[in-house]
């Protein structure tokens, strides 16, 4: 083998390695985004389920305040020391008599540093 052949082989290996590294980084970023999106949808659905199981008269903004980074709790029992979802925020918007009288439109928004998810539901008396 000559030096030229070795150099060509090294350049070829470098190009392949750089390409594979870029592909691996894109896969890792896609996985992280998918994981964040799935977590946000879960947190939104959890809040909607809690509201769904609340008597109609008690579905008010005061009963479902916004939860910040360390404040998100899931299920009936809060986690003791901290939230297991430290990079997410969850807020609830409740509109009375939308779309018609006797109904409420519930919008749950879960956001994180690089995105957000919005889920909606209607409840009636």
PDB file of N, CA and C in Angstrom:
ATOM      1  N   UNK A   1       0.837  -1.178   0.000  1.00  0.00           N
ATOM      2  CA  UNK A   1       0.000   0.000   0.000  1.00  0.00           C
ATOM      3  C   UNK A   1       0.882   1.241   0.000  1.00  0.00           C
ATOM      4  N   UNK A   2       0.483   2.211  -0.784  1.00  0.00           N
ATOM      5  CA  UNK A   2       1.246   3.454  -0.826  1.00  0.00           C
ATOM      6  C   UNK A   2       0.646   4.450   0.157  1.00  0.00           C
ATOM      7  N   UNK A   3       1.364   5.505   0.370  1.00  0.00           N
ATOM      8  CA  UNK A   3       0.888   6.556   1.267  1.00  0.00           C
ATOM      9  C   UNK A   3      -0.388   7.184   0.714  1.00  0.00           C
ATOM     10  N   UNK A   4      -0.478   7.337  -0.592  1.00  0.00           N
ATOM     11  CA  UNK A   4      -1.671   7.915  -1.219  1.00  0.00           C
ATOM     12  C   UNK A   4      -2.888   7.042  -0.947  1.00  0.00           C
ATOM     13  N   UNK A   5      -2.756   5.747  -1.054  1.00  0.00           N
ATOM     14  CA  UNK A   5      -3.875   4.848  -0.783  1.00  0.00           C
ATOM     15  C   UNK A   5      -4.310   4.926   0.667  1.00  0.00           C
ATOM     16  N   UNK A   6      -3.345   5.011   1.566  1.00  0.00           N
ATOM     17  CA  UNK A   6      -3.657   5.134   2.995  1.00  0.00           C
ATOM     18  C   UNK A   6      -4.389   6.438   3.268  1.00  0.00           C
ATOM     19  N   UNK A   7      -3.927   7.533   2.653  1.00  0.00           N
ATOM     20  CA  UNK A   7      -4.584   8.821   2.842  1.00  0.00           C
ATOM     21  C   UNK A   7      -6.009   8.813   2.291  1.00  0.00           C
ATOM     22  N   UNK A   8      -6.210   8.213   1.137  1.00  0.00           N
ATOM     23  CA  UNK A   8      -7.553   8.109   0.566  1.00  0.00           C
ATOM     24  C   UNK A   8      -8.450   7.296   1.495  1.00  0.00           C
ATOM     25  N   UNK A   9      -7.934   6.209   2.025  1.00  0.00           N
ATOM     26  CA  UNK A   9      -8.714   5.382   2.952  1.00  0.00           C
ATOM     27  C   UNK A   9      -9.058   6.164   4.215  1.00  0.00           C
ATOM     28  N   UNK A  10      -8.122   6.947   4.741  1.00  0.00           N
ATOM     29  CA  UNK A  10      -8.370   7.742   5.941  1.00  0.00           C
ATOM     30  C   UNK A  10      -9.410   8.829   5.684  1.00  0.00           C
ATOM     31  N   UNK A  11      -9.332   9.470   4.525  1.00  0.00           N
ATOM     32  CA  UNK A  11     -10.313  10.501   4.177  1.00  0.00           C
ATOM     33  C   UNK A  11     -11.700   9.860   4.048  1.00  0.00           C
ATOM     34  N   UNK A  12     -11.755   8.722   3.393  1.00  0.00           N
ATOM     35  CA  UNK A  12     -13.030   8.012   3.243  1.00  0.00           C
ATOM     36  C   UNK A  12     -13.604   7.662   4.615  1.00  0.00           C
ATOM     37  N   UNK A  13     -12.781   7.135   5.504  1.00  0.00           N
ATOM     38  CA  UNK A  13     -13.238   6.776   6.856  1.00  0.00           C
ATOM     39  C   UNK A  13     -13.686   8.019   7.627  1.00  0.00           C
ATOM     40  N   UNK A  14     -12.994   9.145   7.446  1.00  0.00           N
ATOM     41  CA  UNK A  14     -13.377  10.379   8.128  1.00  0.00           C
ATOM     42  C   UNK A  14     -14.745  10.861   7.658  1.00  0.00           C
ATOM     43  N   UNK A  15     -14.987  10.811   6.343  1.00  0.00           N
ATOM     44  CA  UNK A  15     -16.278  11.236   5.793  1.00  0.00           C
ATOM     45  C   UNK A  15     -17.398  10.339   6.319  1.00  0.00           C
ATOM     46  N   UNK A  16     -17.171   9.058   6.323  1.00  0.00           N
ATOM     47  CA  UNK A  16     -18.181   8.117   6.827  1.00  0.00           C
ATOM     48  C   UNK A  16     -18.443   8.369   8.308  1.00  0.00           C
ATOM     49  N   UNK A  17     -17.390   8.575   9.085  1.00  0.00           N
ATOM     50  CA  UNK A  17     -17.540   8.802  10.519  1.00  0.00           C
ATOM     51  C   UNK A  17     -18.305  10.088  10.803  1.00  0.00           C
ATOM     52  N   UNK A  18     -17.995  11.155  10.089  1.00  0.00           N
ATOM     53  CA  UNK A  18     -18.706  12.418  10.278  1.00  0.00           C
ATOM     54  C   UNK A  18     -20.183  12.243   9.925  1.00  0.00           C
ATOM     55  N   UNK A  19     -20.460  11.554   8.844  1.00  0.00           N
ATOM     56  CA  UNK A  19     -21.848  11.303   8.453  1.00  0.00           C
ATOM     57  C   UNK A  19     -22.598  10.492   9.489  1.00  0.00           C
ATOM     58  N   UNK A  20     -21.970   9.475  10.010  1.00  0.00           N
ATOM     59  CA  UNK A  20     -22.616   8.638  11.036  1.00  0.00           C
ATOM     60  C   UNK A  20     -22.839   9.423  12.323  1.00  0.00           C
ATOM     61  N   UNK A  21     -21.896  10.295  12.657  1.00  0.00           N
ATOM     62  CA  UNK A  21     -22.042  11.111  13.867  1.00  0.00           C
ATOM     63  C   UNK A  21     -23.234  12.060  13.722  1.00  0.00           C
ATOM     64  N   UNK A  22     -23.361  12.685  12.571  1.00  0.00           N
ATOM     65  CA  UNK A  22     -24.503  13.565  12.323  1.00  0.00           C
ATOM     66  C   UNK A  22     -25.821  12.821  12.399  1.00  0.00           C
ATOM     67  N   UNK A  23     -25.852  11.622  11.831  1.00  0.00           N
ATOM     68  CA  UNK A  23     -27.066  10.806  11.886  1.00  0.00           C
ATOM     69  C   UNK A  23     -27.398  10.422  13.323  1.00  0.00           C
ATOM     70  N   UNK A  24     -26.400  10.035  14.093  1.00  0.00           N
ATOM     71  CA  UNK A  24     -26.624   9.659  15.488  1.00  0.00           C
ATOM     72  C   UNK A  24     -27.159  10.844  16.286  1.00  0.00           C
ATOM     73  N   UNK A  25     -26.613  12.032  16.070  1.00  0.00           N
ATOM     74  CA  UNK A  25     -27.079  13.232  16.777  1.00  0.00           C
ATOM     75  C   UNK A  25     -28.535  13.531  16.433  1.00  0.00           C
ATOM     76  N   UNK A  26     -28.897  13.405  15.167  1.00  0.00           N
ATOM     77  CA  UNK A  26     -30.279  13.652  14.749  1.00  0.00           C
ATOM     78  C   UNK A  26     -31.220  12.647  15.398  1.00  0.00           C
ATOM     79  N   UNK A  27     -30.799  11.412  15.501  1.00  0.00           N
ATOM     80  CA  UNK A  27     -31.630  10.384  16.141  1.00  0.00           C
ATOM     81  C   UNK A  27     -31.811  10.693  17.617  1.00  0.00           C
ATOM     82  N   UNK A  28     -30.739  11.077  18.298  1.00  0.00           N
ATOM     83  CA  UNK A  28     -30.841  11.410  19.724  1.00  0.00           C
ATOM     84  C   UNK A  28     -31.763  12.604  19.948  1.00  0.00           C
ATOM     85  N   UNK A  29     -31.658  13.632  19.113  1.00  0.00           N
ATOM     86  CA  UNK A  29     -32.511  14.805  19.247  1.00  0.00           C
ATOM     87  C   UNK A  29     -33.973  14.455  18.975  1.00  0.00           C
ATOM     88  N   UNK A  30     -34.218  13.619  17.973  1.00  0.00           N
ATOM     89  CA  UNK A  30     -35.580  13.182  17.676  1.00  0.00           C
ATOM     90  C   UNK A  30     -36.179  12.385  18.814  1.00  0.00           C
ATOM     91  N   UNK A  31     -35.380  11.515  19.410  1.00  0.00           N
ATOM     92  CA  UNK A  31     -35.860  10.730  20.550  1.00  0.00           C
ATOM     93  C   UNK A  31     -36.192  11.627  21.735  1.00  0.00           C
ATOM     94  N   UNK A  32     -35.355  12.625  21.999  1.00  0.00           N
ATOM     95  CA  UNK A  32     -35.601  13.537  23.116  1.00  0.00           C
ATOM     96  C   UNK A  32     -36.886  14.338  22.887  1.00  0.00           C
ATOM     97  N   UNK A  33     -37.096  14.792  21.651  1.00  0.00           N
ATOM     98  CA  UNK A  33     -38.310  15.544  21.334  1.00  0.00           C
ATOM     99  C   UNK A  33     -39.545  14.652  21.470  1.00  0.00           C
ATOM    100  N   UNK A  34     -39.458  13.420  21.008  1.00  0.00           N
ATOM    101  CA  UNK A  34     -40.575  12.487  21.122  1.00  0.00           C
ATOM    102  C   UNK A  34     -40.895  12.176  22.578  1.00  0.00           C
ATOM    103  N   UNK A  35     -39.857  12.006  23.378  1.00  0.00           N
ATOM    104  CA  UNK A  35     -40.057  11.719  24.807  1.00  0.00           C
ATOM    105  C   UNK A  35     -40.741  12.909  25.491  1.00  0.00           C
ATOM    106  N   UNK A  36     -40.301  14.131  25.191  1.00  0.00           N
ATOM    107  CA  UNK A  36     -40.909  15.323  25.782  1.00  0.00           C
ATOM    108  C   UNK A  36     -42.363  15.457  25.345  1.00  0.00           C
ATOM    109  N   UNK A  37     -42.638  15.216  24.078  1.00  0.00           N
ATOM    110  CA  UNK A  37     -44.002  15.311  23.564  1.00  0.00           C
ATOM    111  C   UNK A  37     -44.906  14.270  24.228  1.00  0.00           C
ATOM    112  N   UNK A  38     -44.440  13.047  24.358  1.00  0.00           N
ATOM    113  CA  UNK A  38     -45.233  11.987  24.997  1.00  0.00           C
ATOM    114  C   UNK A  38     -45.498  12.320  26.460  1.00  0.00           C
ATOM    115  N   UNK A  39     -44.509  12.855  27.149  1.00  0.00           N
ATOM    116  CA  UNK A  39     -44.692  13.242  28.549  1.00  0.00           C
ATOM    117  C   UNK A  39     -45.713  14.363  28.663  1.00  0.00           C
ATOM    118  N   UNK A  40     -45.638  15.354  27.779  1.00  0.00           N
ATOM    119  CA  UNK A  40     -46.577  16.475  27.810  1.00  0.00           C
ATOM    120  C   UNK A  40     -48.004  16.011  27.540  1.00  0.00           C
ATOM    121  N   UNK A  41     -48.183  15.131  26.577  1.00  0.00           N
ATOM    122  CA  UNK A  41     -49.522  14.600  26.290  1.00  0.00           C
ATOM    123  C   UNK A  41     -50.044  13.829  27.503  1.00  0.00           C
ATOM    124  N   UNK A  42     -49.181  13.046  28.137  1.00  0.00           N
ATOM    125  CA  UNK A  42     -49.573  12.307  29.338  1.00  0.00           C
ATOM    126  C   UNK A  42     -50.024  13.266  30.441  1.00  0.00           C
ATOM    127  N   UNK A  43     -49.257  14.334  30.675  1.00  0.00           N
ATOM    128  CA  UNK A  43     -49.609  15.290  31.718  1.00  0.00           C
ATOM    129  C   UNK A  43     -50.918  16.016  31.406  1.00  0.00           C
ATOM    130  N   UNK A  44     -51.143  16.343  30.142  1.00  0.00           N
ATOM    131  CA  UNK A  44     -52.402  16.988  29.753  1.00  0.00           C
ATOM    132  C   UNK A  44     -53.576  16.037  29.938  1.00  0.00           C
ATOM    133  N   UNK A  45     -53.426  14.788  29.495  1.00  0.00           N
ATOM    134  CA  UNK A  45     -54.500  13.808  29.642  1.00  0.00           C
ATOM    135  C   UNK A  45     -54.789  13.512  31.118  1.00  0.00           C
ATOM    136  N   UNK A  46     -53.744  13.498  31.939  1.00  0.00           N
ATOM    137  CA  UNK A  46     -53.926  13.274  33.377  1.00  0.00           C
ATOM    138  C   UNK A  46     -54.787  14.374  33.983  1.00  0.00           C
ATOM    139  N   UNK A  47     -54.517  15.621  33.613  1.00  0.00           N
ATOM    140  CA  UNK A  47     -55.314  16.739  34.143  1.00  0.00           C
ATOM    141  C   UNK A  47     -56.739  16.678  33.617  1.00  0.00           C
ATOM    142  N   UNK A  48     -56.920  16.366  32.336  1.00  0.00           N
ATOM    143  CA  UNK A  48     -58.272  16.251  31.778  1.00  0.00           C
ATOM    144  C   UNK A  48     -59.051  15.135  32.468  1.00  0.00           C
ATOM    145  N   UNK A  49     -58.399  14.039  32.784  1.00  0.00           N
ATOM    146  CA  UNK A  49     -59.067  12.932  33.484  1.00  0.00           C
ATOM    147  C   UNK A  49     -59.486  13.357  34.885  1.00  0.00           C
ATOM    148  N   UNK A  50     -58.634  14.116  35.554  1.00  0.00           N
ATOM    149  CA  UNK A  50     -58.993  14.623  36.889  1.00  0.00           C
ATOM    150  C   UNK A  50     -60.207  15.542  36.787  1.00  0.00           C
ATOM    151  N   UNK A  51     -60.224  16.418  35.802  1.00  0.00           N
ATOM    152  CA  UNK A  51     -61.357  17.331  35.613  1.00  0.00           C
ATOM    153  C   UNK A  51     -62.608  16.545  35.243  1.00  0.00           C
ATOM    154  N   UNK A  52     -62.466  15.536  34.409  1.00  0.00           N
ATOM    155  CA  UNK A  52     -63.601  14.709  33.995  1.00  0.00           C
ATOM    156  C   UNK A  52     -64.269  14.056  35.209  1.00  0.00           C
ATOM    157  N   UNK A  53     -63.493  13.732  36.235  1.00  0.00           N
ATOM    158  CA  UNK A  53     -64.017  13.085  37.437  1.00  0.00           C
ATOM    159  C   UNK A  53     -64.396  14.078  38.532  1.00  0.00           C
ATOM    160  N   UNK A  54     -64.429  15.364  38.209  1.00  0.00           N
ATOM    161  CA  UNK A  54     -64.797  16.409  39.154  1.00  0.00           C
ATOM    162  C   UNK A  54     -66.247  16.807  38.904  1.00  0.00           C
ATOM    163  N   UNK A  55     -67.044  17.016  39.970  1.00  0.00           N
ATOM    164  CA  UNK A  55     -68.419  17.488  39.755  1.00  0.00           C
ATOM    165  C   UNK A  55     -68.432  18.797  38.953  1.00  0.00           C
ATOM    166  N   UNK A  56     -69.423  18.959  38.115  1.00  0.00           N
ATOM    167  CA  UNK A  56     -69.502  20.092  37.192  1.00  0.00           C
ATOM    168  C   UNK A  56     -69.351  21.428  37.913  1.00  0.00           C
ATOM    169  N   UNK A  57     -70.018  21.603  39.031  1.00  0.00           N
ATOM    170  CA  UNK A  57     -69.968  22.880  39.757  1.00  0.00           C
ATOM    171  C   UNK A  57     -68.574  23.191  40.294  1.00  0.00           C
ATOM    172  N   UNK A  58     -67.761  22.181  40.522  1.00  0.00           N
ATOM    173  CA  UNK A  58     -66.412  22.386  41.065  1.00  0.00           C
ATOM    174  C   UNK A  58     -65.344  22.586  39.991  1.00  0.00           C
ATOM    175  N   UNK A  59     -65.728  22.553  38.738  1.00  0.00           N
ATOM    176  CA  UNK A  59     -64.755  22.770  37.657  1.00  0.00           C
ATOM    177  C   UNK A  59     -64.594  24.272  37.479  1.00  0.00           C
ATOM    178  N   UNK A  60     -63.652  24.827  38.225  1.00  0.00           N
ATOM    179  CA  UNK A  60     -63.367  26.261  38.177  1.00  0.00           C
ATOM    180  C   UNK A  60     -61.860  26.452  38.077  1.00  0.00           C
ATOM    181  N   UNK A  61     -61.463  27.625  37.620  1.00  0.00           N
ATOM    182  CA  UNK A  61     -60.032  27.931  37.510  1.00  0.00           C
ATOM    183  C   UNK A  61     -59.352  27.901  38.872  1.00  0.00           C
ATOM    184  N   UNK A  62     -60.082  28.266  39.918  1.00  0.00           N
ATOM    185  CA  UNK A  62     -59.506  28.263  41.266  1.00  0.00           C
ATOM    186  C   UNK A  62     -59.138  26.849  41.715  1.00  0.00           C
ATOM    187  N   UNK A  63     -59.896  25.851  41.276  1.00  0.00           N
ATOM    188  CA  UNK A  63     -59.623  24.469  41.671  1.00  0.00           C
ATOM    189  C   UNK A  63     -58.533  23.811  40.821  1.00  0.00           C
ATOM    190  N   UNK A  64     -58.153  24.431  39.715  1.00  0.00           N
ATOM    191  CA  UNK A  64     -57.132  23.863  38.834  1.00  0.00           C
ATOM    192  C   UNK A  64     -56.129  24.953  38.442  1.00  0.00           C
ATOM    193  N   UNK A  65     -55.326  25.401  39.410  1.00  0.00           N
ATOM    194  CA  UNK A  65     -54.356  26.472  39.114  1.00  0.00           C
ATOM    195  C   UNK A  65     -53.215  25.977  38.233  1.00  0.00           C
ATOM    196  N   UNK A  66     -52.512  26.927  37.666  1.00  0.00           N
ATOM    197  CA  UNK A  66     -51.336  26.587  36.853  1.00  0.00           C
ATOM    198  C   UNK A  66     -50.272  25.961  37.745  1.00  0.00           C
ATOM    199  N   UNK A  67     -49.534  25.029  37.180  1.00  0.00           N
ATOM    200  CA  UNK A  67     -48.475  24.352  37.919  1.00  0.00           C
ATOM    201  C   UNK A  67     -47.163  24.597  37.202  1.00  0.00           C
ATOM    202  N   UNK A  68     -46.187  25.047  37.954  1.00  0.00           N
ATOM    203  CA  UNK A  68     -44.888  25.328  37.375  1.00  0.00           C
ATOM    204  C   UNK A  68     -43.920  24.195  37.600  1.00  0.00           C
ATOM    205  N   UNK A  69     -42.767  24.390  37.043  1.00  0.00           N
ATOM    206  CA  UNK A  69     -41.719  23.383  36.963  1.00  0.00           C
ATOM    207  C   UNK A  69     -41.708  22.350  38.087  1.00  0.00           C
ATOM    208  N   UNK A  70     -41.578  22.731  39.339  1.00  0.00           N
ATOM    209  CA  UNK A  70     -41.522  21.724  40.402  1.00  0.00           C
ATOM    210  C   UNK A  70     -42.887  21.450  41.014  1.00  0.00           C
ATOM    211  N   UNK A  71     -43.939  21.978  40.413  1.00  0.00           N
ATOM    212  CA  UNK A  71     -45.246  21.838  41.037  1.00  0.00           C
ATOM    213  C   UNK A  71     -46.174  20.821  40.424  1.00  0.00           C
ATOM    214  N   UNK A  72     -45.829  20.199  39.313  1.00  0.00           N
ATOM    215  CA  UNK A  72     -46.749  19.276  38.661  1.00  0.00           C
ATOM    216  C   UNK A  72     -46.821  17.982  39.448  1.00  0.00           C
ATOM    217  N   UNK A  73     -48.036  17.635  39.809  1.00  0.00           N
ATOM    218  CA  UNK A  73     -48.289  16.384  40.504  1.00  0.00           C
ATOM    219  C   UNK A  73     -49.260  15.576  39.642  1.00  0.00           C
ATOM    220  N   UNK A  74     -49.164  14.269  39.703  1.00  0.00           N
ATOM    221  CA  UNK A  74     -50.073  13.435  38.926  1.00  0.00           C
ATOM    222  C   UNK A  74     -50.825  12.505  39.862  1.00  0.00           C
ATOM    223  N   UNK A  75     -52.002  12.105  39.424  1.00  0.00           N
ATOM    224  CA  UNK A  75     -52.789  11.159  40.204  1.00  0.00           C
ATOM    225  C   UNK A  75     -53.316  11.770  41.485  1.00  0.00           C
ATOM    226  N   UNK A  76     -53.977  10.956  42.292  1.00  0.00           N
ATOM    227  CA  UNK A  76     -54.604  11.471  43.509  1.00  0.00           C
ATOM    228  C   UNK A  76     -53.619  11.805  44.629  1.00  0.00           C
ATOM    229  N   UNK A  77     -52.457  11.162  44.666  1.00  0.00           N
ATOM    230  CA  UNK A  77     -51.500  11.396  45.746  1.00  0.00           C
ATOM    231  C   UNK A  77     -50.312  12.177  45.208  1.00  0.00           C
ATOM    232  N   UNK A  78     -50.052  13.382  45.773  1.00  0.00           N
ATOM    233  CA  UNK A  78     -48.904  14.139  45.281  1.00  0.00           C
ATOM    234  C   UNK A  78     -47.579  13.484  45.655  1.00  0.00           C
ATOM    235  N   UNK A  79     -46.611  13.696  44.813  1.00  0.00           N
ATOM    236  CA  UNK A  79     -45.263  13.221  45.118  1.00  0.00           C
ATOM    237  C   UNK A  79     -44.710  14.057  46.259  1.00  0.00           C
ATOM    238  N   UNK A  80     -43.957  13.472  47.177  1.00  0.00           N
ATOM    239  CA  UNK A  80     -43.561  14.181  48.385  1.00  0.00           C
ATOM    240  C   UNK A  80     -42.625  15.376  48.190  1.00  0.00           C
ATOM    241  N   UNK A  81     -41.428  15.179  47.753  1.00  0.00           N
ATOM    242  CA  UNK A  81     -40.427  16.238  47.795  1.00  0.00           C
ATOM    243  C   UNK A  81     -40.413  17.110  46.549  1.00  0.00           C
ATOM    244  N   UNK A  82     -40.589  16.520  45.392  1.00  0.00           N
ATOM    245  CA  UNK A  82     -40.471  17.289  44.152  1.00  0.00           C
ATOM    246  C   UNK A  82     -41.278  16.611  43.056  1.00  0.00           C
ATOM    247  N   UNK A  83     -41.482  17.365  42.010  1.00  0.00           N
ATOM    248  CA  UNK A  83     -42.186  16.825  40.855  1.00  0.00           C
ATOM    249  C   UNK A  83     -41.250  15.947  40.035  1.00  0.00           C
ATOM    250  N   UNK A  84     -41.765  14.837  39.511  1.00  0.00           N
ATOM    251  CA  UNK A  84     -40.933  14.029  38.620  1.00  0.00           C
ATOM    252  C   UNK A  84     -40.847  14.636  37.214  1.00  0.00           C
ATOM    253  N   UNK A  85     -41.440  15.811  37.017  1.00  0.00           N
ATOM    254  CA  UNK A  85     -41.456  16.466  35.711  1.00  0.00           C
ATOM    255  C   UNK A  85     -40.913  17.889  35.845  1.00  0.00           C
ATOM    256  N   UNK A  86     -39.640  18.039  36.165  1.00  0.00           N
ATOM    257  CA  UNK A  86     -39.115  19.366  36.497  1.00  0.00           C
ATOM    258  C   UNK A  86     -39.030  20.355  35.346  1.00  0.00           C
ATOM    259  N   UNK A  87     -39.116  19.929  34.103  1.00  0.00           N
ATOM    260  CA  UNK A  87     -38.985  20.887  33.005  1.00  0.00           C
ATOM    261  C   UNK A  87     -40.312  21.182  32.315  1.00  0.00           C
ATOM    262  N   UNK A  88     -41.431  20.816  32.932  1.00  0.00           N
ATOM    263  CA  UNK A  88     -42.745  21.023  32.321  1.00  0.00           C
ATOM    264  C   UNK A  88     -43.592  21.980  33.152  1.00  0.00           C
ATOM    265  N   UNK A  89     -44.442  22.747  32.466  1.00  0.00           N
ATOM    266  CA  UNK A  89     -45.436  23.598  33.104  1.00  0.00           C
ATOM    267  C   UNK A  89     -46.789  23.203  32.554  1.00  0.00           C
ATOM    268  N   UNK A  90     -47.807  23.253  33.424  1.00  0.00           N
ATOM    269  CA  UNK A  90     -49.155  22.863  32.996  1.00  0.00           C
ATOM    270  C   UNK A  90     -50.134  23.941  33.440  1.00  0.00           C
ATOM    271  N   UNK A  91     -50.993  24.370  32.520  1.00  0.00           N
ATOM    272  CA  UNK A  91     -52.011  25.359  32.857  1.00  0.00           C
ATOM    273  C   UNK A  91     -53.353  24.902  32.307  1.00  0.00           C
ATOM    274  N   UNK A  92     -54.410  25.358  32.972  1.00  0.00           N
ATOM    275  CA  UNK A  92     -55.775  24.989  32.597  1.00  0.00           C
ATOM    276  C   UNK A  92     -56.571  26.261  32.362  1.00  0.00           C
ATOM    277  N   UNK A  93     -57.277  26.313  31.235  1.00  0.00           N
ATOM    278  CA  UNK A  93     -58.193  27.408  30.944  1.00  0.00           C
ATOM    279  C   UNK A  93     -59.598  26.829  30.917  1.00  0.00           C
ATOM    280  N   UNK A  94     -60.501  27.435  31.676  1.00  0.00           N
ATOM    281  CA  UNK A  94     -61.883  26.961  31.747  1.00  0.00           C
ATOM    282  C   UNK A  94     -62.793  28.098  31.288  1.00  0.00           C
ATOM    283  N   UNK A  95     -63.574  27.832  30.235  1.00  0.00           N
ATOM    284  CA  UNK A  95     -64.506  28.822  29.704  1.00  0.00           C
ATOM    285  C   UNK A  95     -65.928  28.332  29.942  1.00  0.00           C
ATOM    286  N   UNK A  96     -66.706  29.123  30.678  1.00  0.00           N
ATOM    287  CA  UNK A  96     -68.100  28.769  30.955  1.00  0.00           C
ATOM    288  C   UNK A  96     -68.992  29.089  29.766  1.00  0.00           C
ATOM    289  N   UNK A  97     -70.029  28.276  29.601  1.00  0.00           N
ATOM    290  CA  UNK A  97     -71.055  28.462  28.569  1.00  0.00           C
ATOM    291  C   UNK A  97     -70.465  28.528  27.162  1.00  0.00           C
ATOM    292  N   UNK A  98     -69.446  27.745  26.906  1.00  0.00           N
ATOM    293  CA  UNK A  98     -68.826  27.621  25.585  1.00  0.00           C
ATOM    294  C   UNK A  98     -68.875  26.141  25.218  1.00  0.00           C
ATOM    295  N   UNK A  99     -69.364  25.719  24.140  1.00  0.00           N
ATOM    296  CA  UNK A  99     -69.931  26.445  23.005  1.00  0.00           C
ATOM    297  C   UNK A  99     -71.382  26.845  23.195  1.00  0.00           C
ATOM    298  N   UNK A 100     -72.078  26.241  24.186  1.00  0.00           N
ATOM    299  CA  UNK A 100     -73.465  26.620  24.462  1.00  0.00           C
ATOM    300  C   UNK A 100     -73.639  26.711  25.974  1.00  0.00           C
ATOM    301  N   UNK A 101     -74.770  27.266  26.392  1.00  0.00           N
ATOM    302  CA  UNK A 101     -75.058  27.399  27.815  1.00  0.00           C
ATOM    303  C   UNK A 101     -75.080  26.020  28.469  1.00  0.00           C
ATOM    304  N   UNK A 102     -74.547  25.928  29.670  1.00  0.00           N
ATOM    305  CA  UNK A 102     -74.538  24.664  30.398  1.00  0.00           C
ATOM    306  C   UNK A 102     -73.346  23.777  30.078  1.00  0.00           C
ATOM    307  N   UNK A 103     -72.402  24.287  29.307  1.00  0.00           N
ATOM    308  CA  UNK A 103     -71.196  23.519  28.987  1.00  0.00           C
ATOM    309  C   UNK A 103     -69.967  24.350  29.327  1.00  0.00           C
ATOM    310  N   UNK A 104     -68.862  23.646  29.525  1.00  0.00           N
ATOM    311  CA  UNK A 104     -67.587  24.306  29.778  1.00  0.00           C
ATOM    312  C   UNK A 104     -66.552  23.749  28.813  1.00  0.00           C
ATOM    313  N   UNK A 105     -65.736  24.648  28.297  1.00  0.00           N
ATOM    314  CA  UNK A 105     -64.631  24.252  27.427  1.00  0.00           C
ATOM    315  C   UNK A 105     -63.361  24.267  28.266  1.00  0.00           C
ATOM    316  N   UNK A 106     -62.689  23.142  28.328  1.00  0.00           N
ATOM    317  CA  UNK A 106     -61.477  22.990  29.121  1.00  0.00           C
ATOM    318  C   UNK A 106     -60.294  22.888  28.156  1.00  0.00           C
ATOM    319  N   UNK A 107     -59.272  23.717  28.355  1.00  0.00           N
ATOM    320  CA  UNK A 107     -58.054  23.666  27.548  1.00  0.00           C
ATOM    321  C   UNK A 107     -56.887  23.486  28.510  1.00  0.00           C
ATOM    322  N   UNK A 108     -56.159  22.401  28.344  1.00  0.00           N
ATOM    323  CA  UNK A 108     -54.966  22.143  29.150  1.00  0.00           C
ATOM    324  C   UNK A 108     -53.757  22.320  28.243  1.00  0.00           C
ATOM    325  N   UNK A 109     -52.849  23.175  28.673  1.00  0.00           N
ATOM    326  CA  UNK A 109     -51.620  23.415  27.919  1.00  0.00           C
ATOM    327  C   UNK A 109     -50.435  22.987  28.767  1.00  0.00           C
ATOM    328  N   UNK A 110     -49.604  22.135  28.205  1.00  0.00           N
ATOM    329  CA  UNK A 110     -48.374  21.703  28.872  1.00  0.00           C
ATOM    330  C   UNK A 110     -47.224  22.185  28.007  1.00  0.00           C
ATOM    331  N   UNK A 111     -46.316  22.918  28.640  1.00  0.00           N
ATOM    332  CA  UNK A 111     -45.174  23.443  27.883  1.00  0.00           C
ATOM    333  C   UNK A 111     -43.871  23.040  28.551  1.00  0.00           C
ATOM    334  N   UNK A 112     -42.829  23.028  27.740  1.00  0.00           N
ATOM    335  CA  UNK A 112     -41.476  22.742  28.200  1.00  0.00           C
ATOM    336  C   UNK A 112     -40.571  23.669  27.412  1.00  0.00           C
ATOM    337  N   UNK A 113     -39.295  23.744  27.753  1.00  0.00           N
ATOM    338  CA  UNK A 113     -38.438  24.760  27.120  1.00  0.00           C
ATOM    339  C   UNK A 113     -38.440  24.775  25.590  1.00  0.00           C
ATOM    340  N   UNK A 114     -38.685  23.658  24.937  1.00  0.00           N
ATOM    341  CA  UNK A 114     -38.606  23.670  23.469  1.00  0.00           C
ATOM    342  C   UNK A 114     -39.930  23.381  22.763  1.00  0.00           C
ATOM    343  N   UNK A 115     -41.063  23.444  23.480  1.00  0.00           N
ATOM    344  CA  UNK A 115     -42.331  23.192  22.810  1.00  0.00           C
ATOM    345  C   UNK A 115     -43.509  23.210  23.761  1.00  0.00           C
ATOM    346  N   UNK A 116     -44.675  22.868  23.221  1.00  0.00           N
ATOM    347  CA  UNK A 116     -45.879  22.808  24.042  1.00  0.00           C
ATOM    348  C   UNK A 116     -46.904  21.894  23.380  1.00  0.00           C
ATOM    349  N   UNK A 117     -47.851  21.432  24.208  1.00  0.00           N
ATOM    350  CA  UNK A 117     -48.943  20.579  23.754  1.00  0.00           C
ATOM    351  C   UNK A 117     -50.236  21.164  24.329  1.00  0.00           C
ATOM    352  N   UNK A 118     -51.285  21.138  23.523  1.00  0.00           N
ATOM    353  CA  UNK A 118     -52.584  21.669  23.961  1.00  0.00           C
ATOM    354  C   UNK A 118     -53.645  20.599  23.735  1.00  0.00           C
ATOM    355  N   UNK A 119     -54.380  20.281  24.782  1.00  0.00           N
ATOM    356  CA  UNK A 119     -55.471  19.316  24.705  1.00  0.00           C
ATOM    357  C   UNK A 119     -56.763  19.986  25.158  1.00  0.00           C
ATOM    358  N   UNK A 120     -57.882  19.663  24.525  1.00  0.00           N
ATOM    359  CA  UNK A 120     -59.161  20.291  24.848  1.00  0.00           C
ATOM    360  C   UNK A 120     -60.224  19.235  25.141  1.00  0.00           C
ATOM    361  N   UNK A 121     -61.250  19.689  25.904  1.00  0.00           N
ATOM    362  CA  UNK A 121     -62.367  18.808  26.229  1.00  0.00           C
ATOM    363  C   UNK A 121     -63.577  19.688  26.548  1.00  0.00           C
ATOM    364  N   UNK A 122     -64.759  19.172  26.257  1.00  0.00           N
ATOM    365  CA  UNK A 122     -66.005  19.835  26.634  1.00  0.00           C
ATOM    366  C   UNK A 122     -66.678  19.011  27.715  1.00  0.00           C
ATOM    367  N   UNK A 123     -67.239  19.699  28.733  1.00  0.00           N
ATOM    368  CA  UNK A 123     -68.017  19.008  29.766  1.00  0.00           C
ATOM    369  C   UNK A 123     -69.349  19.718  29.901  1.00  0.00           C
ATOM    370  N   UNK A 124     -70.353  18.957  30.241  1.00  0.00           N
ATOM    371  CA  UNK A 124     -71.677  19.520  30.426  1.00  0.00           C
ATOM    372  C   UNK A 124     -72.299  19.072  31.720  1.00  0.00           C
ATOM    373  N   UNK A 125     -73.360  19.759  32.106  1.00  0.00           N
ATOM    374  CA  UNK A 125     -74.050  19.422  33.352  1.00  0.00           C
ATOM    375  C   UNK A 125     -74.760  18.103  33.245  1.00  0.00           C
TER     376      UNK A 125
END
